[in-house]
């Protein structure tokens, strides 16, 4: 008797884009966040959503300092570069494991597809 086949987990999209310079400035000057609290700004973007064939791609641009509960994201399509950054509320879902072994979703609220804890990142 053979062992049961365990399917591979769904993968992240990983489509890439570069954050335009004007959006780097927008991320740096995000309203209400002092320059001394800046976290790193991601300029080389890779879509963090579940692999998809249509719809926009999305990537985290900058983590905002706690306790805001939101971070800066950008969206783009295969034929258009990112055009804006948006502060989006964090996804509130967890994987349901017991406390201490639970994972939170690192995407934004109401994102399409599965949560980050259910996705495998493909090798580069």
PDB file of N, CA and C in Angstrom:
ATOM      1  N   UNK A   1       0.826  -1.173   0.000  1.00  0.00           N
ATOM      2  CA  UNK A   1       0.000   0.000   0.000  1.00  0.00           C
ATOM      3  C   UNK A   1       0.877   1.244   0.000  1.00  0.00           C
ATOM      4  N   UNK A   2       0.633   2.186  -0.894  1.00  0.00           N
ATOM      5  CA  UNK A   2       1.424   3.408  -0.970  1.00  0.00           C
ATOM      6  C   UNK A   2       0.993   4.425   0.071  1.00  0.00           C
ATOM      7  N   UNK A   3       1.869   5.340   0.346  1.00  0.00           N
ATOM      8  CA  UNK A   3       1.517   6.398   1.296  1.00  0.00           C
ATOM      9  C   UNK A   3       0.579   7.381   0.614  1.00  0.00           C
ATOM     10  N   UNK A   4      -0.306   7.997   1.405  1.00  0.00           N
ATOM     11  CA  UNK A   4      -1.259   8.942   0.804  1.00  0.00           C
ATOM     12  C   UNK A   4      -0.519  10.177   0.274  1.00  0.00           C
ATOM     13  N   UNK A   5      -0.997  10.675  -0.844  1.00  0.00           N
ATOM     14  CA  UNK A   5      -0.401  11.879  -1.437  1.00  0.00           C
ATOM     15  C   UNK A   5      -0.887  13.102  -0.672  1.00  0.00           C
ATOM     16  N   UNK A   6       0.045  13.880  -0.189  1.00  0.00           N
ATOM     17  CA  UNK A   6      -0.294  15.128   0.486  1.00  0.00           C
ATOM     18  C   UNK A   6      -0.057  16.250  -0.518  1.00  0.00           C
ATOM     19  N   UNK A   7      -1.107  16.988  -0.860  1.00  0.00           N
ATOM     20  CA  UNK A   7      -0.940  18.039  -1.866  1.00  0.00           C
ATOM     21  C   UNK A   7      -0.040  19.162  -1.344  1.00  0.00           C
ATOM     22  N   UNK A   8       0.666  19.787  -2.289  1.00  0.00           N
ATOM     23  CA  UNK A   8       1.479  20.936  -1.929  1.00  0.00           C
ATOM     24  C   UNK A   8       0.563  22.075  -1.486  1.00  0.00           C
ATOM     25  N   UNK A   9       1.027  22.886  -0.526  1.00  0.00           N
ATOM     26  CA  UNK A   9       0.194  24.031  -0.124  1.00  0.00           C
ATOM     27  C   UNK A   9       0.104  25.042  -1.255  1.00  0.00           C
ATOM     28  N   UNK A  10      -0.961  25.837  -1.281  1.00  0.00           N
ATOM     29  CA  UNK A  10      -1.058  26.883  -2.298  1.00  0.00           C
ATOM     30  C   UNK A  10       0.128  27.840  -2.177  1.00  0.00           C
ATOM     31  N   UNK A  11       0.505  28.430  -3.273  1.00  0.00           N
ATOM     32  CA  UNK A  11       1.685  29.306  -3.305  1.00  0.00           C
ATOM     33  C   UNK A  11       1.290  30.781  -3.382  1.00  0.00           C
ATOM     34  N   UNK A  12       2.231  31.622  -2.955  1.00  0.00           N
ATOM     35  CA  UNK A  12       2.038  33.051  -3.155  1.00  0.00           C
ATOM     36  C   UNK A  12       2.308  33.383  -4.613  1.00  0.00           C
ATOM     37  N   UNK A  13       1.777  34.482  -5.062  1.00  0.00           N
ATOM     38  CA  UNK A  13       1.897  34.884  -6.462  1.00  0.00           C
ATOM     39  C   UNK A  13       3.341  35.236  -6.833  1.00  0.00           C
ATOM     40  N   UNK A  14       3.943  36.155  -6.124  1.00  0.00           N
ATOM     41  CA  UNK A  14       5.330  36.602  -6.303  1.00  0.00           C
ATOM     42  C   UNK A  14       5.584  37.400  -7.585  1.00  0.00           C
ATOM     43  N   UNK A  15       4.522  37.892  -8.256  1.00  0.00           N
ATOM     44  CA  UNK A  15       4.740  38.815  -9.378  1.00  0.00           C
ATOM     45  C   UNK A  15       5.500  40.020  -8.832  1.00  0.00           C
ATOM     46  N   UNK A  16       6.376  40.598  -9.624  1.00  0.00           N
ATOM     47  CA  UNK A  16       7.239  41.660  -9.116  1.00  0.00           C
ATOM     48  C   UNK A  16       6.945  43.017  -9.740  1.00  0.00           C
ATOM     49  N   UNK A  17       7.349  44.046  -9.004  1.00  0.00           N
ATOM     50  CA  UNK A  17       7.261  45.432  -9.467  1.00  0.00           C
ATOM     51  C   UNK A  17       8.281  46.235  -8.657  1.00  0.00           C
ATOM     52  N   UNK A  18       8.540  47.441  -9.112  1.00  0.00           N
ATOM     53  CA  UNK A  18       9.416  48.362  -8.393  1.00  0.00           C
ATOM     54  C   UNK A  18       8.563  49.555  -7.974  1.00  0.00           C
ATOM     55  N   UNK A  19       8.708  49.958  -6.722  1.00  0.00           N
ATOM     56  CA  UNK A  19       7.966  51.109  -6.216  1.00  0.00           C
ATOM     57  C   UNK A  19       8.530  52.389  -6.837  1.00  0.00           C
ATOM     58  N   UNK A  20       7.699  53.156  -7.549  1.00  0.00           N
ATOM     59  CA  UNK A  20       8.181  54.393  -8.170  1.00  0.00           C
ATOM     60  C   UNK A  20       8.692  55.386  -7.112  1.00  0.00           C
ATOM     61  N   UNK A  21       9.682  56.216  -7.478  1.00  0.00           N
ATOM     62  CA  UNK A  21      10.274  57.154  -6.513  1.00  0.00           C
ATOM     63  C   UNK A  21       9.258  58.046  -5.796  1.00  0.00           C
ATOM     64  N   UNK A  22       8.231  58.503  -6.512  1.00  0.00           N
ATOM     65  CA  UNK A  22       7.247  59.385  -5.866  1.00  0.00           C
ATOM     66  C   UNK A  22       6.468  58.646  -4.773  1.00  0.00           C
ATOM     67  N   UNK A  23       6.292  57.333  -4.932  1.00  0.00           N
ATOM     68  CA  UNK A  23       5.610  56.566  -3.897  1.00  0.00           C
ATOM     69  C   UNK A  23       6.530  56.273  -2.717  1.00  0.00           C
ATOM     70  N   UNK A  24       7.828  56.205  -2.980  1.00  0.00           N
ATOM     71  CA  UNK A  24       8.778  56.078  -1.865  1.00  0.00           C
ATOM     72  C   UNK A  24       8.649  57.307  -0.975  1.00  0.00           C
ATOM     73  N   UNK A  25       8.548  58.478  -1.603  1.00  0.00           N
ATOM     74  CA  UNK A  25       8.374  59.716  -0.832  1.00  0.00           C
ATOM     75  C   UNK A  25       7.055  59.699  -0.069  1.00  0.00           C
ATOM     76  N   UNK A  26       5.984  59.235  -0.703  1.00  0.00           N
ATOM     77  CA  UNK A  26       4.692  59.132  -0.019  1.00  0.00           C
ATOM     78  C   UNK A  26       4.786  58.212   1.196  1.00  0.00           C
ATOM     79  N   UNK A  27       5.474  57.095   1.038  1.00  0.00           N
ATOM     80  CA  UNK A  27       5.619  56.144   2.149  1.00  0.00           C
ATOM     81  C   UNK A  27       6.445  56.762   3.268  1.00  0.00           C
ATOM     82  N   UNK A  28       7.471  57.515   2.889  1.00  0.00           N
ATOM     83  CA  UNK A  28       8.313  58.164   3.901  1.00  0.00           C
ATOM     84  C   UNK A  28       7.538  59.221   4.672  1.00  0.00           C
ATOM     85  N   UNK A  29       6.668  59.933   3.972  1.00  0.00           N
ATOM     86  CA  UNK A  29       5.943  61.047   4.574  1.00  0.00           C
ATOM     87  C   UNK A  29       4.521  60.678   4.988  1.00  0.00           C
ATOM     88  N   UNK A  30       4.267  59.396   5.242  1.00  0.00           N
ATOM     89  CA  UNK A  30       2.910  58.960   5.596  1.00  0.00           C
ATOM     90  C   UNK A  30       2.356  59.814   6.735  1.00  0.00           C
ATOM     91  N   UNK A  31       1.166  60.324   6.521  1.00  0.00           N
ATOM     92  CA  UNK A  31       0.538  61.231   7.475  1.00  0.00           C
ATOM     93  C   UNK A  31       0.455  60.609   8.872  1.00  0.00           C
ATOM     94  N   UNK A  32       0.850  61.396   9.849  1.00  0.00           N
ATOM     95  CA  UNK A  32       0.711  60.967  11.228  1.00  0.00           C
ATOM     96  C   UNK A  32       1.832  60.094  11.745  1.00  0.00           C
ATOM     97  N   UNK A  33       2.877  59.890  10.975  1.00  0.00           N
ATOM     98  CA  UNK A  33       3.972  59.029  11.418  1.00  0.00           C
ATOM     99  C   UNK A  33       5.278  59.805  11.326  1.00  0.00           C
ATOM    100  N   UNK A  34       5.844  60.094  12.485  1.00  0.00           N
ATOM    101  CA  UNK A  34       7.068  60.887  12.548  1.00  0.00           C
ATOM    102  C   UNK A  34       8.217  60.139  11.882  1.00  0.00           C
ATOM    103  N   UNK A  35       9.127  60.873  11.228  1.00  0.00           N
ATOM    104  CA  UNK A  35      10.259  60.229  10.542  1.00  0.00           C
ATOM    105  C   UNK A  35      11.075  59.313  11.444  1.00  0.00           C
ATOM    106  N   UNK A  36      11.190  59.625  12.729  1.00  0.00           N
ATOM    107  CA  UNK A  36      11.987  58.777  13.613  1.00  0.00           C
ATOM    108  C   UNK A  36      11.339  57.422  13.878  1.00  0.00           C
ATOM    109  N   UNK A  37      10.068  57.257  13.533  1.00  0.00           N
ATOM    110  CA  UNK A  37       9.397  55.968  13.727  1.00  0.00           C
ATOM    111  C   UNK A  37       9.331  55.166  12.434  1.00  0.00           C
ATOM    112  N   UNK A  38      10.019  55.629  11.406  1.00  0.00           N
ATOM    113  CA  UNK A  38       9.956  54.953  10.108  1.00  0.00           C
ATOM    114  C   UNK A  38      10.532  53.545  10.172  1.00  0.00           C
ATOM    115  N   UNK A  39       9.821  52.644   9.583  1.00  0.00           N
ATOM    116  CA  UNK A  39      10.322  51.302   9.349  1.00  0.00           C
ATOM    117  C   UNK A  39      10.839  51.299   7.912  1.00  0.00           C
ATOM    118  N   UNK A  40      11.573  50.271   7.538  1.00  0.00           N
ATOM    119  CA  UNK A  40      12.129  50.178   6.194  1.00  0.00           C
ATOM    120  C   UNK A  40      11.024  50.249   5.139  1.00  0.00           C
ATOM    121  N   UNK A  41      11.327  50.916   4.050  1.00  0.00           N
ATOM    122  CA  UNK A  41      10.402  51.008   2.918  1.00  0.00           C
ATOM    123  C   UNK A  41      10.855  50.006   1.871  1.00  0.00           C
ATOM    124  N   UNK A  42       9.938  49.134   1.464  1.00  0.00           N
ATOM    125  CA  UNK A  42      10.234  48.135   0.435  1.00  0.00           C
ATOM    126  C   UNK A  42      10.066  48.774  -0.936  1.00  0.00           C
ATOM    127  N   UNK A  43      11.110  48.733  -1.745  1.00  0.00           N
ATOM    128  CA  UNK A  43      11.025  49.297  -3.087  1.00  0.00           C
ATOM    129  C   UNK A  43      10.982  48.214  -4.166  1.00  0.00           C
ATOM    130  N   UNK A  44      11.523  47.044  -3.873  1.00  0.00           N
ATOM    131  CA  UNK A  44      11.418  45.896  -4.786  1.00  0.00           C
ATOM    132  C   UNK A  44      10.283  45.037  -4.244  1.00  0.00           C
ATOM    133  N   UNK A  45       9.208  45.013  -4.980  1.00  0.00           N
ATOM    134  CA  UNK A  45       7.972  44.403  -4.499  1.00  0.00           C
ATOM    135  C   UNK A  45       7.750  43.028  -5.104  1.00  0.00           C
ATOM    136  N   UNK A  46       7.143  42.147  -4.328  1.00  0.00           N
ATOM    137  CA  UNK A  46       6.699  40.834  -4.809  1.00  0.00           C
ATOM    138  C   UNK A  46       5.303  40.607  -4.251  1.00  0.00           C
ATOM    139  N   UNK A  47       4.377  40.241  -5.105  1.00  0.00           N
ATOM    140  CA  UNK A  47       2.991  40.043  -4.688  1.00  0.00           C
ATOM    141  C   UNK A  47       2.929  39.000  -3.580  1.00  0.00           C
ATOM    142  N   UNK A  48       2.236  39.337  -2.511  1.00  0.00           N
ATOM    143  CA  UNK A  48       2.134  38.476  -1.342  1.00  0.00           C
ATOM    144  C   UNK A  48       0.808  37.726  -1.269  1.00  0.00           C
ATOM    145  N   UNK A  49      -0.056  37.925  -2.266  1.00  0.00           N
ATOM    146  CA  UNK A  49      -1.346  37.252  -2.293  1.00  0.00           C
ATOM    147  C   UNK A  49      -1.194  35.818  -2.802  1.00  0.00           C
ATOM    148  N   UNK A  50      -2.250  35.029  -2.609  1.00  0.00           N
ATOM    149  CA  UNK A  50      -2.275  33.685  -3.176  1.00  0.00           C
ATOM    150  C   UNK A  50      -2.133  33.792  -4.695  1.00  0.00           C
ATOM    151  N   UNK A  51      -1.413  32.846  -5.298  1.00  0.00           N
ATOM    152  CA  UNK A  51      -1.225  32.849  -6.748  1.00  0.00           C
ATOM    153  C   UNK A  51      -2.578  33.034  -7.437  1.00  0.00           C
ATOM    154  N   UNK A  52      -2.605  33.940  -8.407  1.00  0.00           N
ATOM    155  CA  UNK A  52      -3.861  34.284  -9.080  1.00  0.00           C
ATOM    156  C   UNK A  52      -3.581  34.646 -10.521  1.00  0.00           C
ATOM    157  N   UNK A  53      -4.605  34.518 -11.343  1.00  0.00           N
ATOM    158  CA  UNK A  53      -4.442  34.812 -12.766  1.00  0.00           C
ATOM    159  C   UNK A  53      -5.002  36.162 -13.162  1.00  0.00           C
ATOM    160  N   UNK A  54      -5.881  36.715 -12.340  1.00  0.00           N
ATOM    161  CA  UNK A  54      -6.423  38.026 -12.673  1.00  0.00           C
ATOM    162  C   UNK A  54      -6.518  38.861 -11.404  1.00  0.00           C
ATOM    163  N   UNK A  55      -6.827  40.118 -11.604  1.00  0.00           N
ATOM    164  CA  UNK A  55      -6.912  41.018 -10.464  1.00  0.00           C
ATOM    165  C   UNK A  55      -5.559  41.599 -10.118  1.00  0.00           C
ATOM    166  N   UNK A  56      -5.566  42.611  -9.270  1.00  0.00           N
ATOM    167  CA  UNK A  56      -4.313  43.281  -8.947  1.00  0.00           C
ATOM    168  C   UNK A  56      -3.412  42.461  -8.030  1.00  0.00           C
ATOM    169  N   UNK A  57      -2.131  42.770  -8.115  1.00  0.00           N
ATOM    170  CA  UNK A  57      -1.129  42.229  -7.207  1.00  0.00           C
ATOM    171  C   UNK A  57      -1.044  43.177  -6.009  1.00  0.00           C
ATOM    172  N   UNK A  58      -0.505  42.699  -4.897  1.00  0.00           N
ATOM    173  CA  UNK A  58      -0.391  43.533  -3.696  1.00  0.00           C
ATOM    174  C   UNK A  58       0.890  43.205  -2.952  1.00  0.00           C
ATOM    175  N   UNK A  59       1.516  44.248  -2.422  1.00  0.00           N
ATOM    176  CA  UNK A  59       2.729  44.056  -1.623  1.00  0.00           C
ATOM    177  C   UNK A  59       2.770  45.078  -0.495  1.00  0.00           C
ATOM    178  N   UNK A  60       3.320  44.642   0.613  1.00  0.00           N
ATOM    179  CA  UNK A  60       3.562  45.516   1.745  1.00  0.00           C
ATOM    180  C   UNK A  60       4.688  46.475   1.379  1.00  0.00           C
ATOM    181  N   UNK A  61       4.466  47.765   1.618  1.00  0.00           N
ATOM    182  CA  UNK A  61       5.476  48.773   1.337  1.00  0.00           C
ATOM    183  C   UNK A  61       6.222  49.138   2.622  1.00  0.00           C
ATOM    184  N   UNK A  62       5.482  49.300   3.710  1.00  0.00           N
ATOM    185  CA  UNK A  62       6.114  49.687   4.972  1.00  0.00           C
ATOM    186  C   UNK A  62       5.247  49.286   6.148  1.00  0.00           C
ATOM    187  N   UNK A  63       5.882  48.723   7.154  1.00  0.00           N
ATOM    188  CA  UNK A  63       5.202  48.472   8.422  1.00  0.00           C
ATOM    189  C   UNK A  63       5.094  49.790   9.165  1.00  0.00           C
ATOM    190  N   UNK A  64       3.939  50.047   9.743  1.00  0.00           N
ATOM    191  CA  UNK A  64       3.783  51.233  10.572  1.00  0.00           C
ATOM    192  C   UNK A  64       3.986  50.821  12.027  1.00  0.00           C
ATOM    193  N   UNK A  65       4.505  51.714  12.841  1.00  0.00           N
ATOM    194  CA  UNK A  65       4.763  51.347  14.234  1.00  0.00           C
ATOM    195  C   UNK A  65       3.471  50.997  14.967  1.00  0.00           C
ATOM    196  N   UNK A  66       3.588  50.060  15.900  1.00  0.00           N
ATOM    197  CA  UNK A  66       2.436  49.677  16.729  1.00  0.00           C
ATOM    198  C   UNK A  66       1.994  50.904  17.506  1.00  0.00           C
ATOM    199  N   UNK A  67       0.806  51.023  17.901  1.00  0.00           N
ATOM    200  CA  UNK A  67      -0.304  50.065  17.854  1.00  0.00           C
ATOM    201  C   UNK A  67      -1.320  50.389  16.776  1.00  0.00           C
ATOM    202  N   UNK A  68      -0.912  50.840  15.617  1.00  0.00           N
ATOM    203  CA  UNK A  68      -1.846  51.335  14.603  1.00  0.00           C
ATOM    204  C   UNK A  68      -2.776  50.265  14.040  1.00  0.00           C
ATOM    205  N   UNK A  69      -2.312  49.013  13.919  1.00  0.00           N
ATOM    206  CA  UNK A  69      -3.168  47.971  13.355  1.00  0.00           C
ATOM    207  C   UNK A  69      -3.354  48.101  11.860  1.00  0.00           C
ATOM    208  N   UNK A  70      -2.500  48.899  11.239  1.00  0.00           N
ATOM    209  CA  UNK A  70      -2.534  49.023   9.786  1.00  0.00           C
ATOM    210  C   UNK A  70      -1.112  49.225   9.287  1.00  0.00           C
ATOM    211  N   UNK A  71      -0.931  48.951   8.000  1.00  0.00           N
ATOM    212  CA  UNK A  71       0.368  49.098   7.355  1.00  0.00           C
ATOM    213  C   UNK A  71       0.164  49.656   5.956  1.00  0.00           C
ATOM    214  N   UNK A  72       1.250  50.090   5.320  1.00  0.00           N
ATOM    215  CA  UNK A  72       1.160  50.678   3.981  1.00  0.00           C
ATOM    216  C   UNK A  72       1.338  49.605   2.923  1.00  0.00           C
ATOM    217  N   UNK A  73       0.382  49.547   1.991  1.00  0.00           N
ATOM    218  CA  UNK A  73       0.367  48.570   0.911  1.00  0.00           C
ATOM    219  C   UNK A  73       0.245  49.290  -0.417  1.00  0.00           C
ATOM    220  N   UNK A  74       0.646  48.606  -1.483  1.00  0.00           N
ATOM    221  CA  UNK A  74       0.413  49.098  -2.836  1.00  0.00           C
ATOM    222  C   UNK A  74      -0.137  47.950  -3.680  1.00  0.00           C
ATOM    223  N   UNK A  75      -0.837  48.326  -4.728  1.00  0.00           N
ATOM    224  CA  UNK A  75      -1.398  47.362  -5.682  1.00  0.00           C
ATOM    225  C   UNK A  75      -0.937  47.756  -7.085  1.00  0.00           C
ATOM    226  N   UNK A  76      -0.833  46.768  -7.954  1.00  0.00           N
ATOM    227  CA  UNK A  76      -0.486  47.015  -9.351  1.00  0.00           C
ATOM    228  C   UNK A  76      -1.032  45.869 -10.194  1.00  0.00           C
ATOM    229  N   UNK A  77      -1.021  46.064 -11.488  1.00  0.00           N
ATOM    230  CA  UNK A  77      -1.421  45.010 -12.417  1.00  0.00           C
ATOM    231  C   UNK A  77      -0.231  44.670 -13.301  1.00  0.00           C
ATOM    232  N   UNK A  78      -0.366  43.606 -14.077  1.00  0.00           N
ATOM    233  CA  UNK A  78       0.741  43.192 -14.937  1.00  0.00           C
ATOM    234  C   UNK A  78       1.141  44.265 -15.934  1.00  0.00           C
ATOM    235  N   UNK A  79       0.198  45.133 -16.312  1.00  0.00           N
ATOM    236  CA  UNK A  79       0.505  46.152 -17.313  1.00  0.00           C
ATOM    237  C   UNK A  79       0.611  47.569 -16.751  1.00  0.00           C
ATOM    238  N   UNK A  80       0.516  47.720 -15.421  1.00  0.00           N
ATOM    239  CA  UNK A  80       0.623  49.049 -14.805  1.00  0.00           C
ATOM    240  C   UNK A  80       1.420  48.973 -13.524  1.00  0.00           C
ATOM    241  N   UNK A  81       2.351  49.891 -13.360  1.00  0.00           N
ATOM    242  CA  UNK A  81       3.154  49.975 -12.138  1.00  0.00           C
ATOM    243  C   UNK A  81       2.288  50.471 -10.975  1.00  0.00           C
ATOM    244  N   UNK A  82       2.740  50.284  -9.747  1.00  0.00           N
ATOM    245  CA  UNK A  82       2.003  50.842  -8.604  1.00  0.00           C
ATOM    246  C   UNK A  82       1.808  52.348  -8.787  1.00  0.00           C
ATOM    247  N   UNK A  83       0.605  52.825  -8.423  1.00  0.00           N
ATOM    248  CA  UNK A  83       0.289  54.240  -8.589  1.00  0.00           C
ATOM    249  C   UNK A  83      -0.011  54.943  -7.277  1.00  0.00           C
ATOM    250  N   UNK A  84      -0.234  54.192  -6.215  1.00  0.00           N
ATOM    251  CA  UNK A  84      -0.498  54.800  -4.917  1.00  0.00           C
ATOM    252  C   UNK A  84      -0.191  53.814  -3.802  1.00  0.00           C
ATOM    253  N   UNK A  85       0.000  54.357  -2.614  1.00  0.00           N
ATOM    254  CA  UNK A  85       0.101  53.507  -1.434  1.00  0.00           C
ATOM    255  C   UNK A  85      -1.103  53.816  -0.554  1.00  0.00           C
ATOM    256  N   UNK A  86      -1.524  52.833   0.199  1.00  0.00           N
ATOM    257  CA  UNK A  86      -2.712  52.967   1.028  1.00  0.00           C
ATOM    258  C   UNK A  86      -2.459  52.320   2.377  1.00  0.00           C
ATOM    259  N   UNK A  87      -2.895  52.988   3.442  1.00  0.00           N
ATOM    260  CA  UNK A  87      -2.846  52.382   4.777  1.00  0.00           C
ATOM    261  C   UNK A  87      -4.038  51.440   4.880  1.00  0.00           C
ATOM    262  N   UNK A  88      -3.758  50.154   5.029  1.00  0.00           N
ATOM    263  CA  UNK A  88      -4.814  49.149   5.123  1.00  0.00           C
ATOM    264  C   UNK A  88      -4.744  48.450   6.472  1.00  0.00           C
ATOM    265  N   UNK A  89      -5.911  48.180   7.039  1.00  0.00           N
ATOM    266  CA  UNK A  89      -6.014  47.483   8.314  1.00  0.00           C
ATOM    267  C   UNK A  89      -5.494  46.064   8.170  1.00  0.00           C
ATOM    268  N   UNK A  90      -4.820  45.586   9.192  1.00  0.00           N
ATOM    269  CA  UNK A  90      -4.294  44.224   9.188  1.00  0.00           C
ATOM    270  C   UNK A  90      -5.417  43.196   9.161  1.00  0.00           C
ATOM    271  N   UNK A  91      -5.176  42.063   8.529  1.00  0.00           N
ATOM    272  CA  UNK A  91      -6.121  40.943   8.550  1.00  0.00           C
ATOM    273  C   UNK A  91      -6.189  40.429   9.985  1.00  0.00           C
ATOM    274  N   UNK A  92      -7.380  40.144  10.453  1.00  0.00           N
ATOM    275  CA  UNK A  92      -7.576  39.728  11.841  1.00  0.00           C
ATOM    276  C   UNK A  92      -7.612  38.204  12.000  1.00  0.00           C
ATOM    277  N   UNK A  93      -7.481  37.454  10.901  1.00  0.00           N
ATOM    278  CA  UNK A  93      -7.609  36.001  10.994  1.00  0.00           C
ATOM    279  C   UNK A  93      -6.345  35.334  11.538  1.00  0.00           C
ATOM    280  N   UNK A  94      -6.563  34.237  12.272  1.00  0.00           N
ATOM    281  CA  UNK A  94      -5.468  33.389  12.752  1.00  0.00           C
ATOM    282  C   UNK A  94      -5.728  31.980  12.250  1.00  0.00           C
ATOM    283  N   UNK A  95      -4.722  31.111  12.383  1.00  0.00           N
ATOM    284  CA  UNK A  95      -4.886  29.749  11.883  1.00  0.00           C
ATOM    285  C   UNK A  95      -5.656  28.849  12.847  1.00  0.00           C
ATOM    286  N   UNK A  96      -6.018  29.354  14.011  1.00  0.00           N
ATOM    287  CA  UNK A  96      -6.841  28.590  14.946  1.00  0.00           C
ATOM    288  C   UNK A  96      -6.075  27.620  15.820  1.00  0.00           C
ATOM    289  N   UNK A  97      -4.768  27.588  15.736  1.00  0.00           N
ATOM    290  CA  UNK A  97      -3.971  26.699  16.584  1.00  0.00           C
ATOM    291  C   UNK A  97      -4.003  27.217  18.024  1.00  0.00           C
ATOM    292  N   UNK A  98      -3.681  26.341  18.984  1.00  0.00           N
ATOM    293  CA  UNK A  98      -3.656  26.777  20.388  1.00  0.00           C
ATOM    294  C   UNK A  98      -2.681  27.942  20.588  1.00  0.00           C
ATOM    295  N   UNK A  99      -2.967  28.758  21.581  1.00  0.00           N
ATOM    296  CA  UNK A  99      -2.136  29.921  21.885  1.00  0.00           C
ATOM    297  C   UNK A  99      -0.670  29.514  22.025  1.00  0.00           C
ATOM    298  N   UNK A 100       0.194  30.321  21.456  1.00  0.00           N
ATOM    299  CA  UNK A 100       1.619  30.033  21.471  1.00  0.00           C
ATOM    300  C   UNK A 100       2.077  29.314  20.217  1.00  0.00           C
ATOM    301  N   UNK A 101       1.152  28.650  19.536  1.00  0.00           N
ATOM    302  CA  UNK A 101       1.471  27.973  18.272  1.00  0.00           C
ATOM    303  C   UNK A 101       0.612  28.507  17.143  1.00  0.00           C
ATOM    304  N   UNK A 102      -0.161  29.547  17.446  1.00  0.00           N
ATOM    305  CA  UNK A 102      -1.043  30.117  16.436  1.00  0.00           C
ATOM    306  C   UNK A 102      -0.272  31.085  15.553  1.00  0.00           C
ATOM    307  N   UNK A 103      -0.747  31.247  14.357  1.00  0.00           N
ATOM    308  CA  UNK A 103      -0.170  32.178  13.396  1.00  0.00           C
ATOM    309  C   UNK A 103      -1.222  33.205  13.029  1.00  0.00           C
ATOM    310  N   UNK A 104      -0.785  34.432  12.833  1.00  0.00           N
ATOM    311  CA  UNK A 104      -1.675  35.469  12.339  1.00  0.00           C
ATOM    312  C   UNK A 104      -1.411  35.652  10.852  1.00  0.00           C
ATOM    313  N   UNK A 105      -2.373  36.182  10.159  1.00  0.00           N
ATOM    314  CA  UNK A 105      -2.202  36.501   8.747  1.00  0.00           C
ATOM    315  C   UNK A 105      -1.457  37.827   8.650  1.00  0.00           C
ATOM    316  N   UNK A 106      -0.462  37.872   7.781  1.00  0.00           N
ATOM    317  CA  UNK A 106       0.328  39.086   7.618  1.00  0.00           C
ATOM    318  C   UNK A 106      -0.159  39.956   6.459  1.00  0.00           C
ATOM    319  N   UNK A 107      -1.303  39.613   5.878  1.00  0.00           N
ATOM    320  CA  UNK A 107      -1.868  40.412   4.795  1.00  0.00           C
ATOM    321  C   UNK A 107      -2.806  41.470   5.368  1.00  0.00           C
ATOM    322  N   UNK A 108      -3.472  42.206   4.512  1.00  0.00           N
ATOM    323  CA  UNK A 108      -4.422  43.233   4.930  1.00  0.00           C
ATOM    324  C   UNK A 108      -5.825  42.634   5.036  1.00  0.00           C
ATOM    325  N   UNK A 109      -6.693  43.290   5.782  1.00  0.00           N
ATOM    326  CA  UNK A 109      -8.065  42.820   5.962  1.00  0.00           C
ATOM    327  C   UNK A 109      -8.811  42.729   4.645  1.00  0.00           C
ATOM    328  N   UNK A 110      -9.657  41.727   4.526  1.00  0.00           N
ATOM    329  CA  UNK A 110     -10.487  41.492   3.331  1.00  0.00           C
ATOM    330  C   UNK A 110      -9.672  41.261   2.062  1.00  0.00           C
ATOM    331  N   UNK A 111      -8.464  40.726   2.213  1.00  0.00           N
ATOM    332  CA  UNK A 111      -7.648  40.404   1.042  1.00  0.00           C
ATOM    333  C   UNK A 111      -8.277  39.246   0.282  1.00  0.00           C
ATOM    334  N   UNK A 112      -8.047  39.166  -1.037  1.00  0.00           N
ATOM    335  CA  UNK A 112      -8.545  38.019  -1.797  1.00  0.00           C
ATOM    336  C   UNK A 112      -7.691  36.785  -1.500  1.00  0.00           C
ATOM    337  N   UNK A 113      -8.239  35.628  -1.704  1.00  0.00           N
ATOM    338  CA  UNK A 113      -7.484  34.386  -1.541  1.00  0.00           C
ATOM    339  C   UNK A 113      -7.277  34.006  -0.087  1.00  0.00           C
ATOM    340  N   UNK A 114      -6.391  33.042   0.100  1.00  0.00           N
ATOM    341  CA  UNK A 114      -6.124  32.501   1.429  1.00  0.00           C
ATOM    342  C   UNK A 114      -5.195  33.412   2.223  1.00  0.00           C
ATOM    343  N   UNK A 115      -5.196  33.193   3.538  1.00  0.00           N
ATOM    344  CA  UNK A 115      -4.317  33.951   4.434  1.00  0.00           C
ATOM    345  C   UNK A 115      -2.873  33.508   4.288  1.00  0.00           C
ATOM    346  N   UNK A 116      -1.957  34.355   4.703  1.00  0.00           N
ATOM    347  CA  UNK A 116      -0.528  34.094   4.546  1.00  0.00           C
ATOM    348  C   UNK A 116      -0.087  32.803   5.237  1.00  0.00           C
ATOM    349  N   UNK A 117      -0.705  32.439   6.347  1.00  0.00           N
ATOM    350  CA  UNK A 117      -0.280  31.226   7.058  1.00  0.00           C
ATOM    351  C   UNK A 117      -0.662  29.947   6.298  1.00  0.00           C
ATOM    352  N   UNK A 118      -1.499  30.049   5.300  1.00  0.00           N
ATOM    353  CA  UNK A 118      -1.878  28.893   4.475  1.00  0.00           C
ATOM    354  C   UNK A 118      -1.086  28.810   3.164  1.00  0.00           C
ATOM    355  N   UNK A 119      -0.183  29.760   2.938  1.00  0.00           N
ATOM    356  CA  UNK A 119       0.527  29.830   1.660  1.00  0.00           C
ATOM    357  C   UNK A 119       1.995  29.477   1.807  1.00  0.00           C
ATOM    358  N   UNK A 120       2.529  28.860   0.781  1.00  0.00           N
ATOM    359  CA  UNK A 120       3.960  28.583   0.699  1.00  0.00           C
ATOM    360  C   UNK A 120       4.570  29.592  -0.261  1.00  0.00           C
ATOM    361  N   UNK A 121       5.725  30.119   0.098  1.00  0.00           N
ATOM    362  CA  UNK A 121       6.424  31.054  -0.785  1.00  0.00           C
ATOM    363  C   UNK A 121       7.328  30.240  -1.699  1.00  0.00           C
ATOM    364  N   UNK A 122       7.169  30.379  -3.025  1.00  0.00           N
ATOM    365  CA  UNK A 122       8.027  29.623  -3.930  1.00  0.00           C
ATOM    366  C   UNK A 122       9.482  30.054  -3.822  1.00  0.00           C
ATOM    367  N   UNK A 123      10.352  29.147  -4.171  1.00  0.00           N
ATOM    368  CA  UNK A 123      11.769  29.480  -4.194  1.00  0.00           C
ATOM    369  C   UNK A 123      11.993  30.573  -5.218  1.00  0.00           C
ATOM    370  N   UNK A 124      12.980  31.472  -4.953  1.00  0.00           N
ATOM    371  CA  UNK A 124      13.229  32.569  -5.911  1.00  0.00           C
ATOM    372  C   UNK A 124      13.707  32.068  -7.252  1.00  0.00           C
TER     373      UNK A 124
END
